[in-house]
Amino acid sequence: MTVTTFDPVSSVSLTASAQKYFASKLAKQPSKLIRLSTKESGCTGFSYVLDIVDAALDNDTVLEFGDVVLAVDSQSVSMLQGTEIDLVREGVNEVVKFKNPNVVAECGCGESFSVS
């Protein structure tokens, strides 16, 4: 596993609220990390997948944000470049949101997206 230097243009970033949220999730599960990937899904092509895992896969890009280690799937990294992950409040709920500059279309419910 290679830890990559953070570059906001080509890397995925976390807002302070997202970092705090993931740190609280990981605090309950020591020695774990967050893995971000995509899968073919929905009406527009892809959906985001966040998992808590024991270790990054060999080709993952690994980023550190304080107490949060984020592994980005090697097959998804090009469509995720420049993505900001945020935690926002919608009514009484908190929701993880992805601000991805590569997205050219999203489905109406926001569950899937396509890139150029």
PDB file of N, CA and C in Angstrom:
ATOM      1  N   MET A   1       0.852  -1.170   0.000  1.00  0.00           N
ATOM      2  CA  MET A   1       0.000   0.000   0.000  1.00  0.00           C
ATOM      3  C   MET A   1       0.894   1.228   0.000  1.00  0.00           C
ATOM      4  N   THR A   2       0.651   2.127  -0.939  1.00  0.00           N
ATOM      5  CA  THR A   2       1.411   3.356  -1.043  1.00  0.00           C
ATOM      6  C   THR A   2       0.512   4.519  -0.664  1.00  0.00           C
ATOM      7  N   VAL A   3       0.983   5.361   0.235  1.00  0.00           N
ATOM      8  CA  VAL A   3       0.220   6.545   0.630  1.00  0.00           C
ATOM      9  C   VAL A   3       0.564   7.665  -0.338  1.00  0.00           C
ATOM     10  N   THR A   4      -0.465   8.259  -0.916  1.00  0.00           N
ATOM     11  CA  THR A   4      -0.294   9.290  -1.921  1.00  0.00           C
ATOM     12  C   THR A   4      -0.354  10.675  -1.295  1.00  0.00           C
ATOM     13  N   THR A   5       0.498  11.577  -1.762  1.00  0.00           N
ATOM     14  CA  THR A   5       0.454  12.964  -1.326  1.00  0.00           C
ATOM     15  C   THR A   5      -0.829  13.594  -1.852  1.00  0.00           C
ATOM     16  N   PHE A   6      -1.500  14.362  -1.021  1.00  0.00           N
ATOM     17  CA  PHE A   6      -2.774  14.960  -1.402  1.00  0.00           C
ATOM     18  C   PHE A   6      -2.594  16.037  -2.460  1.00  0.00           C
ATOM     19  N   ASP A   7      -3.340  15.922  -3.517  1.00  0.00           N
ATOM     20  CA  ASP A   7      -3.392  16.906  -4.593  1.00  0.00           C
ATOM     21  C   ASP A   7      -4.870  17.151  -4.877  1.00  0.00           C
ATOM     22  N   PRO A   8      -5.418  18.322  -4.516  1.00  0.00           N
ATOM     23  CA  PRO A   8      -6.857  18.541  -4.622  1.00  0.00           C
ATOM     24  C   PRO A   8      -7.403  18.480  -6.039  1.00  0.00           C
ATOM     25  N   VAL A   9      -6.555  18.645  -7.031  1.00  0.00           N
ATOM     26  CA  VAL A   9      -7.028  18.594  -8.415  1.00  0.00           C
ATOM     27  C   VAL A   9      -7.237  17.147  -8.862  1.00  0.00           C
ATOM     28  N   SER A  10      -6.308  16.274  -8.496  1.00  0.00           N
ATOM     29  CA  SER A  10      -6.395  14.899  -8.976  1.00  0.00           C
ATOM     30  C   SER A  10      -6.853  13.907  -7.927  1.00  0.00           C
ATOM     31  N   SER A  11      -6.987  14.341  -6.687  1.00  0.00           N
ATOM     32  CA  SER A  11      -7.349  13.442  -5.603  1.00  0.00           C
ATOM     33  C   SER A  11      -8.783  13.672  -5.161  1.00  0.00           C
ATOM     34  N   VAL A  12      -9.244  12.758  -4.339  1.00  0.00           N
ATOM     35  CA  VAL A  12     -10.519  12.909  -3.656  1.00  0.00           C
ATOM     36  C   VAL A  12     -10.241  13.672  -2.363  1.00  0.00           C
ATOM     37  N   SER A  13     -11.160  14.544  -1.959  1.00  0.00           N
ATOM     38  CA  SER A  13     -10.972  15.286  -0.712  1.00  0.00           C
ATOM     39  C   SER A  13     -12.178  15.100   0.195  1.00  0.00           C
ATOM     40  N   LEU A  14     -11.963  15.342   1.472  1.00  0.00           N
ATOM     41  CA  LEU A  14     -13.024  15.292   2.471  1.00  0.00           C
ATOM     42  C   LEU A  14     -13.183  16.666   3.093  1.00  0.00           C
ATOM     43  N   THR A  15     -14.422  17.118   3.270  1.00  0.00           N
ATOM     44  CA  THR A  15     -14.646  18.335   4.031  1.00  0.00           C
ATOM     45  C   THR A  15     -14.414  18.016   5.509  1.00  0.00           C
ATOM     46  N   ALA A  16     -14.325  19.050   6.328  1.00  0.00           N
ATOM     47  CA  ALA A  16     -14.127  18.851   7.760  1.00  0.00           C
ATOM     48  C   ALA A  16     -15.275  18.045   8.367  1.00  0.00           C
ATOM     49  N   SER A  17     -16.502  18.299   7.925  1.00  0.00           N
ATOM     50  CA  SER A  17     -17.644  17.557   8.481  1.00  0.00           C
ATOM     51  C   SER A  17     -17.616  16.087   8.053  1.00  0.00           C
ATOM     52  N   ALA A  18     -17.198  15.807   6.835  1.00  0.00           N
ATOM     53  CA  ALA A  18     -17.085  14.417   6.386  1.00  0.00           C
ATOM     54  C   ALA A  18     -15.963  13.710   7.131  1.00  0.00           C
ATOM     55  N   GLN A  19     -14.859  14.416   7.328  1.00  0.00           N
ATOM     56  CA  GLN A  19     -13.731  13.822   8.045  1.00  0.00           C
ATOM     57  C   GLN A  19     -14.147  13.471   9.480  1.00  0.00           C
ATOM     58  N   LYS A  20     -14.861  14.359  10.138  1.00  0.00           N
ATOM     59  CA  LYS A  20     -15.332  14.111  11.507  1.00  0.00           C
ATOM     60  C   LYS A  20     -16.292  12.919  11.532  1.00  0.00           C
ATOM     61  N   TYR A  21     -17.194  12.854  10.566  1.00  0.00           N
ATOM     62  CA  TYR A  21     -18.167  11.760  10.474  1.00  0.00           C
ATOM     63  C   TYR A  21     -17.459  10.414  10.300  1.00  0.00           C
ATOM     64  N   PHE A  22     -16.525  10.335   9.340  1.00  0.00           N
ATOM     65  CA  PHE A  22     -15.825   9.074   9.102  1.00  0.00           C
ATOM     66  C   PHE A  22     -14.924   8.707  10.277  1.00  0.00           C
ATOM     67  N   ALA A  23     -14.312   9.695  10.914  1.00  0.00           N
ATOM     68  CA  ALA A  23     -13.471   9.422  12.085  1.00  0.00           C
ATOM     69  C   ALA A  23     -14.304   8.798  13.200  1.00  0.00           C
ATOM     70  N   SER A  24     -15.534   9.279  13.379  1.00  0.00           N
ATOM     71  CA  SER A  24     -16.395   8.703  14.421  1.00  0.00           C
ATOM     72  C   SER A  24     -16.785   7.270  14.069  1.00  0.00           C
ATOM     73  N   LYS A  25     -17.014   6.988  12.802  1.00  0.00           N
ATOM     74  CA  LYS A  25     -17.325   5.617  12.375  1.00  0.00           C
ATOM     75  C   LYS A  25     -16.134   4.690  12.584  1.00  0.00           C
ATOM     76  N   LEU A  26     -14.948   5.181  12.246  1.00  0.00           N
ATOM     77  CA  LEU A  26     -13.743   4.359  12.360  1.00  0.00           C
ATOM     78  C   LEU A  26     -13.307   4.176  13.810  1.00  0.00           C
ATOM     79  N   ALA A  27     -13.638   5.113  14.695  1.00  0.00           N
ATOM     80  CA  ALA A  27     -13.258   5.012  16.101  1.00  0.00           C
ATOM     81  C   ALA A  27     -13.885   3.775  16.745  1.00  0.00           C
ATOM     82  N   LYS A  28     -15.030   3.360  16.228  1.00  0.00           N
ATOM     83  CA  LYS A  28     -15.722   2.181  16.748  1.00  0.00           C
ATOM     84  C   LYS A  28     -15.125   0.891  16.189  1.00  0.00           C
ATOM     85  N   GLN A  29     -14.255   1.023  15.182  1.00  0.00           N
ATOM     86  CA  GLN A  29     -13.668  -0.139  14.521  1.00  0.00           C
ATOM     87  C   GLN A  29     -12.185   0.125  14.273  1.00  0.00           C
ATOM     88  N   PRO A  30     -11.355  -0.019  15.302  1.00  0.00           N
ATOM     89  CA  PRO A  30      -9.929   0.284  15.155  1.00  0.00           C
ATOM     90  C   PRO A  30      -9.277  -0.527  14.024  1.00  0.00           C
ATOM     91  N   SER A  31      -8.249   0.053  13.447  1.00  0.00           N
ATOM     92  CA  SER A  31      -7.460  -0.579  12.380  1.00  0.00           C
ATOM     93  C   SER A  31      -8.243  -0.768  11.085  1.00  0.00           C
ATOM     94  N   LYS A  32      -9.282  -0.003  10.897  1.00  0.00           N
ATOM     95  CA  LYS A  32     -10.073  -0.090   9.670  1.00  0.00           C
ATOM     96  C   LYS A  32      -9.889   1.196   8.876  1.00  0.00           C
ATOM     97  N   LEU A  33     -10.316   1.167   7.625  1.00  0.00           N
ATOM     98  CA  LEU A  33     -10.271   2.358   6.791  1.00  0.00           C
ATOM     99  C   LEU A  33     -11.498   2.409   5.904  1.00  0.00           C
ATOM    100  N   ILE A  34     -11.704   3.558   5.269  1.00  0.00           N
ATOM    101  CA  ILE A  34     -12.816   3.753   4.352  1.00  0.00           C
ATOM    102  C   ILE A  34     -12.315   3.469   2.943  1.00  0.00           C
ATOM    103  N   ARG A  35     -13.081   2.699   2.177  1.00  0.00           N
ATOM    104  CA  ARG A  35     -12.725   2.431   0.779  1.00  0.00           C
ATOM    105  C   ARG A  35     -13.833   2.988  -0.101  1.00  0.00           C
ATOM    106  N   LEU A  36     -13.437   3.809  -1.068  1.00  0.00           N
ATOM    107  CA  LEU A  36     -14.353   4.417  -2.021  1.00  0.00           C
ATOM    108  C   LEU A  36     -14.169   3.755  -3.374  1.00  0.00           C
ATOM    109  N   SER A  37     -15.273   3.308  -3.939  1.00  0.00           N
ATOM    110  CA  SER A  37     -15.244   2.736  -5.283  1.00  0.00           C
ATOM    111  C   SER A  37     -16.535   3.120  -5.988  1.00  0.00           C
ATOM    112  N   THR A  38     -16.683   2.662  -7.210  1.00  0.00           N
ATOM    113  CA  THR A  38     -17.921   2.864  -7.955  1.00  0.00           C
ATOM    114  C   THR A  38     -18.369   1.509  -8.484  1.00  0.00           C
ATOM    115  N   LYS A  39     -19.639   1.422  -8.817  1.00  0.00           N
ATOM    116  CA  LYS A  39     -20.147   0.211  -9.465  1.00  0.00           C
ATOM    117  C   LYS A  39     -21.173   0.624 -10.503  1.00  0.00           C
ATOM    118  N   GLU A  40     -21.329  -0.209 -11.514  1.00  0.00           N
ATOM    119  CA  GLU A  40     -22.364   0.051 -12.516  1.00  0.00           C
ATOM    120  C   GLU A  40     -23.712  -0.131 -11.835  1.00  0.00           C
ATOM    121  N   SER A  41     -24.552   0.898 -11.960  1.00  0.00           N
ATOM    122  CA  SER A  41     -25.814   0.871 -11.233  1.00  0.00           C
ATOM    123  C   SER A  41     -26.726   1.986 -11.720  1.00  0.00           C
ATOM    124  N   GLY A  42     -27.991   1.814 -11.472  1.00  0.00           N
ATOM    125  CA  GLY A  42     -28.953   2.874 -11.704  1.00  0.00           C
ATOM    126  C   GLY A  42     -29.214   3.164 -13.173  1.00  0.00           C
ATOM    127  N   CYS A  43     -29.902   4.260 -13.399  1.00  0.00           N
ATOM    128  CA  CYS A  43     -30.327   4.593 -14.756  1.00  0.00           C
ATOM    129  C   CYS A  43     -29.304   5.413 -15.527  1.00  0.00           C
ATOM    130  N   THR A  44     -28.289   5.958 -14.857  1.00  0.00           N
ATOM    131  CA  THR A  44     -27.313   6.763 -15.591  1.00  0.00           C
ATOM    132  C   THR A  44     -25.917   6.176 -15.624  1.00  0.00           C
ATOM    133  N   GLY A  45     -25.693   5.027 -15.002  1.00  0.00           N
ATOM    134  CA  GLY A  45     -24.408   4.383 -15.203  1.00  0.00           C
ATOM    135  C   GLY A  45     -23.677   3.871 -13.980  1.00  0.00           C
ATOM    136  N   PHE A  46     -23.358   4.762 -13.022  1.00  0.00           N
ATOM    137  CA  PHE A  46     -22.530   4.367 -11.887  1.00  0.00           C
ATOM    138  C   PHE A  46     -23.113   4.895 -10.588  1.00  0.00           C
ATOM    139  N   SER A  47     -22.722   4.239  -9.496  1.00  0.00           N
ATOM    140  CA  SER A  47     -23.039   4.759  -8.167  1.00  0.00           C
ATOM    141  C   SER A  47     -21.787   4.670  -7.308  1.00  0.00           C
ATOM    142  N   TYR A  48     -21.753   5.493  -6.274  1.00  0.00           N
ATOM    143  CA  TYR A  48     -20.631   5.510  -5.347  1.00  0.00           C
ATOM    144  C   TYR A  48     -20.817   4.394  -4.319  1.00  0.00           C
ATOM    145  N   VAL A  49     -19.703   3.791  -3.904  1.00  0.00           N
ATOM    146  CA  VAL A  49     -19.733   2.746  -2.885  1.00  0.00           C
ATOM    147  C   VAL A  49     -18.715   3.107  -1.810  1.00  0.00           C
ATOM    148  N   LEU A  50     -19.171   3.216  -0.576  1.00  0.00           N
ATOM    149  CA  LEU A  50     -18.297   3.454   0.576  1.00  0.00           C
ATOM    150  C   LEU A  50     -18.373   2.236   1.481  1.00  0.00           C
ATOM    151  N   ASP A  51     -17.218   1.664   1.795  1.00  0.00           N
ATOM    152  CA  ASP A  51     -17.162   0.498   2.673  1.00  0.00           C
ATOM    153  C   ASP A  51     -16.129   0.740   3.759  1.00  0.00           C
ATOM    154  N   ILE A  52     -16.352   0.153   4.916  1.00  0.00           N
ATOM    155  CA  ILE A  52     -15.327   0.100   5.960  1.00  0.00           C
ATOM    156  C   ILE A  52     -14.633  -1.243   5.796  1.00  0.00           C
ATOM    157  N   VAL A  53     -13.319  -1.212   5.579  1.00  0.00           N
ATOM    158  CA  VAL A  53     -12.562  -2.424   5.269  1.00  0.00           C
ATOM    159  C   VAL A  53     -11.336  -2.546   6.176  1.00  0.00           C
ATOM    160  N   ASP A  54     -10.755  -3.738   6.179  1.00  0.00           N
ATOM    161  CA  ASP A  54      -9.556  -3.994   6.983  1.00  0.00           C
ATOM    162  C   ASP A  54      -8.302  -3.412   6.350  1.00  0.00           C
ATOM    163  N   ALA A  55      -8.242  -3.420   5.022  1.00  0.00           N
ATOM    164  CA  ALA A  55      -7.034  -2.967   4.331  1.00  0.00           C
ATOM    165  C   ALA A  55      -7.378  -2.536   2.909  1.00  0.00           C
ATOM    166  N   ALA A  56      -6.537  -1.660   2.377  1.00  0.00           N
ATOM    167  CA  ALA A  56      -6.674  -1.257   0.976  1.00  0.00           C
ATOM    168  C   ALA A  56      -6.229  -2.408   0.089  1.00  0.00           C
ATOM    169  N   LEU A  57      -6.742  -2.435  -1.120  1.00  0.00           N
ATOM    170  CA  LEU A  57      -6.265  -3.406  -2.100  1.00  0.00           C
ATOM    171  C   LEU A  57      -4.945  -2.907  -2.680  1.00  0.00           C
ATOM    172  N   ASP A  58      -4.191  -3.803  -3.293  1.00  0.00           N
ATOM    173  CA  ASP A  58      -2.843  -3.480  -3.767  1.00  0.00           C
ATOM    174  C   ASP A  58      -2.759  -2.246  -4.655  1.00  0.00           C
ATOM    175  N   ASN A  59      -3.706  -2.045  -5.554  1.00  0.00           N
ATOM    176  CA  ASN A  59      -3.622  -0.932  -6.505  1.00  0.00           C
ATOM    177  C   ASN A  59      -4.427   0.298  -6.090  1.00  0.00           C
ATOM    178  N   ASP A  60      -5.010   0.285  -4.899  1.00  0.00           N
ATOM    179  CA  ASP A  60      -5.776   1.439  -4.434  1.00  0.00           C
ATOM    180  C   ASP A  60      -4.864   2.643  -4.212  1.00  0.00           C
ATOM    181  N   THR A  61      -5.421   3.822  -4.422  1.00  0.00           N
ATOM    182  CA  THR A  61      -4.753   5.066  -4.035  1.00  0.00           C
ATOM    183  C   THR A  61      -5.174   5.349  -2.605  1.00  0.00           C
ATOM    184  N   VAL A  62      -4.209   5.519  -1.716  1.00  0.00           N
ATOM    185  CA  VAL A  62      -4.507   5.693  -0.304  1.00  0.00           C
ATOM    186  C   VAL A  62      -4.200   7.128   0.111  1.00  0.00           C
ATOM    187  N   LEU A  63      -5.196   7.785   0.703  1.00  0.00           N
ATOM    188  CA  LEU A  63      -5.078   9.168   1.151  1.00  0.00           C
ATOM    189  C   LEU A  63      -5.332   9.221   2.647  1.00  0.00           C
ATOM    190  N   GLU A  64      -4.610  10.083   3.346  1.00  0.00           N
ATOM    191  CA  GLU A  64      -4.801  10.246   4.778  1.00  0.00           C
ATOM    192  C   GLU A  64      -5.331  11.637   5.087  1.00  0.00           C
ATOM    193  N   PHE A  65      -6.384  11.676   5.923  1.00  0.00           N
ATOM    194  CA  PHE A  65      -6.994  12.919   6.374  1.00  0.00           C
ATOM    195  C   PHE A  65      -7.069  12.844   7.893  1.00  0.00           C
ATOM    196  N   GLY A  66      -5.983  13.184   8.568  1.00  0.00           N
ATOM    197  CA  GLY A  66      -5.946  13.059  10.027  1.00  0.00           C
ATOM    198  C   GLY A  66      -6.104  11.608  10.429  1.00  0.00           C
ATOM    199  N   ASP A  67      -7.152  11.311  11.196  1.00  0.00           N
ATOM    200  CA  ASP A  67      -7.416   9.948  11.660  1.00  0.00           C
ATOM    201  C   ASP A  67      -8.113   9.086  10.612  1.00  0.00           C
ATOM    202  N   VAL A  68      -8.474   9.666   9.493  1.00  0.00           N
ATOM    203  CA  VAL A  68      -9.225   8.939   8.472  1.00  0.00           C
ATOM    204  C   VAL A  68      -8.303   8.549   7.324  1.00  0.00           C
ATOM    205  N   VAL A  69      -8.274   7.255   7.033  1.00  0.00           N
ATOM    206  CA  VAL A  69      -7.548   6.754   5.868  1.00  0.00           C
ATOM    207  C   VAL A  69      -8.594   6.371   4.830  1.00  0.00           C
ATOM    208  N   LEU A  70      -8.444   6.916   3.626  1.00  0.00           N
ATOM    209  CA  LEU A  70      -9.375   6.683   2.533  1.00  0.00           C
ATOM    210  C   LEU A  70      -8.639   5.988   1.408  1.00  0.00           C
ATOM    211  N   ALA A  71      -9.105   4.812   1.030  1.00  0.00           N
ATOM    212  CA  ALA A  71      -8.548   4.078  -0.105  1.00  0.00           C
ATOM    213  C   ALA A  71      -9.499   4.253  -1.280  1.00  0.00           C
ATOM    214  N   VAL A  72      -8.955   4.666  -2.431  1.00  0.00           N
ATOM    215  CA  VAL A  72      -9.773   4.874  -3.626  1.00  0.00           C
ATOM    216  C   VAL A  72      -9.447   3.770  -4.616  1.00  0.00           C
ATOM    217  N   ASP A  73     -10.469   3.070  -5.050  1.00  0.00           N
ATOM    218  CA  ASP A  73     -10.348   1.970  -5.990  1.00  0.00           C
ATOM    219  C   ASP A  73      -9.617   2.402  -7.255  1.00  0.00           C
ATOM    220  N   SER A  74      -8.646   1.624  -7.683  1.00  0.00           N
ATOM    221  CA  SER A  74      -7.827   1.982  -8.844  1.00  0.00           C
ATOM    222  C   SER A  74      -8.647   2.077 -10.126  1.00  0.00           C
ATOM    223  N   GLN A  75      -9.694   1.278 -10.253  1.00  0.00           N
ATOM    224  CA  GLN A  75     -10.512   1.320 -11.465  1.00  0.00           C
ATOM    225  C   GLN A  75     -11.483   2.501 -11.470  1.00  0.00           C
ATOM    226  N   SER A  76     -11.675   3.124 -10.318  1.00  0.00           N
ATOM    227  CA  SER A  76     -12.603   4.252 -10.211  1.00  0.00           C
ATOM    228  C   SER A  76     -11.907   5.595 -10.129  1.00  0.00           C
ATOM    229  N   VAL A  77     -10.604   5.589  -9.887  1.00  0.00           N
ATOM    230  CA  VAL A  77      -9.898   6.831  -9.557  1.00  0.00           C
ATOM    231  C   VAL A  77     -10.022   7.890 -10.649  1.00  0.00           C
ATOM    232  N   SER A  78     -10.019   7.507 -11.926  1.00  0.00           N
ATOM    233  CA  SER A  78     -10.091   8.522 -12.989  1.00  0.00           C
ATOM    234  C   SER A  78     -11.441   9.238 -12.995  1.00  0.00           C
ATOM    235  N   MET A  79     -12.535   8.539 -12.705  1.00  0.00           N
ATOM    236  CA  MET A  79     -13.844   9.202 -12.687  1.00  0.00           C
ATOM    237  C   MET A  79     -14.107   9.934 -11.378  1.00  0.00           C
ATOM    238  N   LEU A  80     -13.232   9.731 -10.384  1.00  0.00           N
ATOM    239  CA  LEU A  80     -13.397  10.384  -9.081  1.00  0.00           C
ATOM    240  C   LEU A  80     -12.428  11.534  -8.862  1.00  0.00           C
ATOM    241  N   GLN A  81     -11.546  11.803  -9.813  1.00  0.00           N
ATOM    242  CA  GLN A  81     -10.555  12.872  -9.641  1.00  0.00           C
ATOM    243  C   GLN A  81     -11.234  14.200  -9.360  1.00  0.00           C
ATOM    244  N   GLY A  82     -10.776  14.852  -8.303  1.00  0.00           N
ATOM    245  CA  GLY A  82     -11.315  16.159  -7.936  1.00  0.00           C
ATOM    246  C   GLY A  82     -12.591  16.107  -7.124  1.00  0.00           C
ATOM    247  N   THR A  83     -13.072  14.918  -6.782  1.00  0.00           N
ATOM    248  CA  THR A  83     -14.317  14.786  -6.032  1.00  0.00           C
ATOM    249  C   THR A  83     -14.136  15.215  -4.586  1.00  0.00           C
ATOM    250  N   GLU A  84     -15.085  15.998  -4.094  1.00  0.00           N
ATOM    251  CA  GLU A  84     -15.126  16.383  -2.689  1.00  0.00           C
ATOM    252  C   GLU A  84     -16.262  15.615  -2.027  1.00  0.00           C
ATOM    253  N   ILE A  85     -15.936  14.952  -0.922  1.00  0.00           N
ATOM    254  CA  ILE A  85     -16.945  14.237  -0.150  1.00  0.00           C
ATOM    255  C   ILE A  85     -17.318  15.115   1.026  1.00  0.00           C
ATOM    256  N   ASP A  86     -18.628  15.325   1.206  1.00  0.00           N
ATOM    257  CA  ASP A  86     -19.126  16.212   2.244  1.00  0.00           C
ATOM    258  C   ASP A  86     -20.209  15.494   3.040  1.00  0.00           C
ATOM    259  N   LEU A  87     -20.455  15.938   4.236  1.00  0.00           N
ATOM    260  CA  LEU A  87     -21.577  15.475   5.047  1.00  0.00           C
ATOM    261  C   LEU A  87     -22.492  16.671   5.227  1.00  0.00           C
ATOM    262  N   VAL A  88     -23.724  16.544   4.757  1.00  0.00           N
ATOM    263  CA  VAL A  88     -24.673  17.658   4.827  1.00  0.00           C
ATOM    264  C   VAL A  88     -25.926  17.232   5.568  1.00  0.00           C
ATOM    265  N   ARG A  89     -26.559  18.207   6.176  1.00  0.00           N
ATOM    266  CA  ARG A  89     -27.825  17.955   6.868  1.00  0.00           C
ATOM    267  C   ARG A  89     -28.966  18.260   5.911  1.00  0.00           C
ATOM    268  N   GLU A  90     -29.866  17.281   5.779  1.00  0.00           N
ATOM    269  CA  GLU A  90     -31.081  17.453   4.984  1.00  0.00           C
ATOM    270  C   GLU A  90     -32.254  17.136   5.906  1.00  0.00           C
ATOM    271  N   GLY A  91     -32.891  18.176   6.396  1.00  0.00           N
ATOM    272  CA  GLY A  91     -33.953  17.978   7.384  1.00  0.00           C
ATOM    273  C   GLY A  91     -33.343  17.465   8.674  1.00  0.00           C
ATOM    274  N   VAL A  92     -33.796  16.299   9.126  1.00  0.00           N
ATOM    275  CA  VAL A  92     -33.270  15.710  10.360  1.00  0.00           C
ATOM    276  C   VAL A  92     -32.161  14.696  10.078  1.00  0.00           C
ATOM    277  N   ASN A  93     -31.857  14.466   8.813  1.00  0.00           N
ATOM    278  CA  ASN A  93     -30.865  13.465   8.433  1.00  0.00           C
ATOM    279  C   ASN A  93     -29.541  14.092   8.020  1.00  0.00           C
ATOM    280  N   GLU A  94     -28.462  13.343   8.227  1.00  0.00           N
ATOM    281  CA  GLU A  94     -27.161  13.708   7.686  1.00  0.00           C
ATOM    282  C   GLU A  94     -26.877  12.756   6.535  1.00  0.00           C
ATOM    283  N   VAL A  95     -26.405  13.315   5.417  1.00  0.00           N
ATOM    284  CA  VAL A  95     -26.210  12.534   4.203  1.00  0.00           C
ATOM    285  C   VAL A  95     -24.820  12.804   3.644  1.00  0.00           C
ATOM    286  N   VAL A  96     -24.128  11.741   3.237  1.00  0.00           N
ATOM    287  CA  VAL A  96     -22.842  11.894   2.562  1.00  0.00           C
ATOM    288  C   VAL A  96     -23.129  12.297   1.116  1.00  0.00           C
ATOM    289  N   LYS A  97     -22.526  13.397   0.679  1.00  0.00           N
ATOM    290  CA  LYS A  97     -22.716  13.916  -0.674  1.00  0.00           C
ATOM    291  C   LYS A  97     -21.384  13.929  -1.410  1.00  0.00           C
ATOM    292  N   PHE A  98     -21.433  13.694  -2.692  1.00  0.00           N
ATOM    293  CA  PHE A  98     -20.253  13.690  -3.545  1.00  0.00           C
ATOM    294  C   PHE A  98     -20.358  14.849  -4.526  1.00  0.00           C
ATOM    295  N   LYS A  99     -19.373  15.740  -4.499  1.00  0.00           N
ATOM    296  CA  LYS A  99     -19.304  16.846  -5.470  1.00  0.00           C
ATOM    297  C   LYS A  99     -18.209  16.472  -6.459  1.00  0.00           C
ATOM    298  N   ASN A 100     -18.634  15.860  -7.564  1.00  0.00           N
ATOM    299  CA  ASN A 100     -17.708  15.292  -8.539  1.00  0.00           C
ATOM    300  C   ASN A 100     -17.718  16.147  -9.804  1.00  0.00           C
ATOM    301  N   PRO A 101     -16.600  16.805 -10.123  1.00  0.00           N
ATOM    302  CA  PRO A 101     -16.555  17.668 -11.301  1.00  0.00           C
ATOM    303  C   PRO A 101     -16.604  16.901 -12.622  1.00  0.00           C
ATOM    304  N   ASN A 102     -16.474  15.590 -12.583  1.00  0.00           N
ATOM    305  CA  ASN A 102     -16.481  14.783 -13.798  1.00  0.00           C
ATOM    306  C   ASN A 102     -17.875  14.332 -14.214  1.00  0.00           C
ATOM    307  N   VAL A 103     -18.866  14.539 -13.360  1.00  0.00           N
ATOM    308  CA  VAL A 103     -20.225  14.084 -13.635  1.00  0.00           C
ATOM    309  C   VAL A 103     -20.857  14.959 -14.713  1.00  0.00           C
ATOM    310  N   VAL A 104     -21.425  14.284 -15.724  1.00  0.00           N
ATOM    311  CA  VAL A 104     -22.123  15.015 -16.794  1.00  0.00           C
ATOM    312  C   VAL A 104     -23.636  14.815 -16.709  1.00  0.00           C
ATOM    313  N   ALA A 105     -24.081  13.785 -15.976  1.00  0.00           N
ATOM    314  CA  ALA A 105     -25.521  13.555 -15.812  1.00  0.00           C
ATOM    315  C   ALA A 105     -25.745  12.755 -14.532  1.00  0.00           C
ATOM    316  N   GLU A 106     -26.881  13.048 -13.877  1.00  0.00           N
ATOM    317  CA  GLU A 106     -27.290  12.292 -12.691  1.00  0.00           C
ATOM    318  C   GLU A 106     -28.747  11.901 -12.861  1.00  0.00           C
ATOM    319  N   CYS A 107     -29.130  10.790 -12.248  1.00  0.00           N
ATOM    320  CA  CYS A 107     -30.537  10.411 -12.291  1.00  0.00           C
ATOM    321  C   CYS A 107     -31.324  11.340 -11.375  1.00  0.00           C
ATOM    322  N   GLY A 108     -32.611  11.346 -11.508  1.00  0.00           N
ATOM    323  CA  GLY A 108     -33.463  12.243 -10.739  1.00  0.00           C
ATOM    324  C   GLY A 108     -33.352  12.070  -9.245  1.00  0.00           C
ATOM    325  N   CYS A 109     -33.138  10.841  -8.790  1.00  0.00           N
ATOM    326  CA  CYS A 109     -33.054  10.613  -7.335  1.00  0.00           C
ATOM    327  C   CYS A 109     -31.637  10.829  -6.799  1.00  0.00           C
ATOM    328  N   GLY A 110     -30.651  11.017  -7.677  1.00  0.00           N
ATOM    329  CA  GLY A 110     -29.296  11.285  -7.251  1.00  0.00           C
ATOM    330  C   GLY A 110     -28.481  10.057  -6.883  1.00  0.00           C
ATOM    331  N   GLU A 111     -29.013   8.878  -7.139  1.00  0.00           N
ATOM    332  CA  GLU A 111     -28.320   7.649  -6.758  1.00  0.00           C
ATOM    333  C   GLU A 111     -27.278   7.198  -7.788  1.00  0.00           C
ATOM    334  N   SER A 112     -27.404   7.633  -9.023  1.00  0.00           N
ATOM    335  CA  SER A 112     -26.421   7.211 -10.028  1.00  0.00           C
ATOM    336  C   SER A 112     -25.997   8.403 -10.879  1.00  0.00           C
ATOM    337  N   PHE A 113     -24.866   8.224 -11.572  1.00  0.00           N
ATOM    338  CA  PHE A 113     -24.292   9.310 -12.347  1.00  0.00           C
ATOM    339  C   PHE A 113     -23.559   8.751 -13.551  1.00  0.00           C
ATOM    340  N   SER A 114     -23.245   9.633 -14.481  1.00  0.00           N
ATOM    341  CA  SER A 114     -22.386   9.258 -15.615  1.00  0.00           C
ATOM    342  C   SER A 114     -21.307  10.328 -15.761  1.00  0.00           C
ATOM    343  N   VAL A 115     -20.191   9.902 -16.335  1.00  0.00           N
ATOM    344  CA  VAL A 115     -19.061  10.799 -16.569  1.00  0.00           C
ATOM    345  C   VAL A 115     -18.760  10.827 -18.058  1.00  0.00           C
ATOM    346  N   SER A 116     -18.040  11.888 -18.477  1.00  0.00           N
ATOM    347  CA  SER A 116     -17.722  11.986 -19.896  1.00  0.00           C
ATOM    348  C   SER A 116     -16.533  11.113 -20.251  1.00  0.00           C
TER     349      SER A 116
END
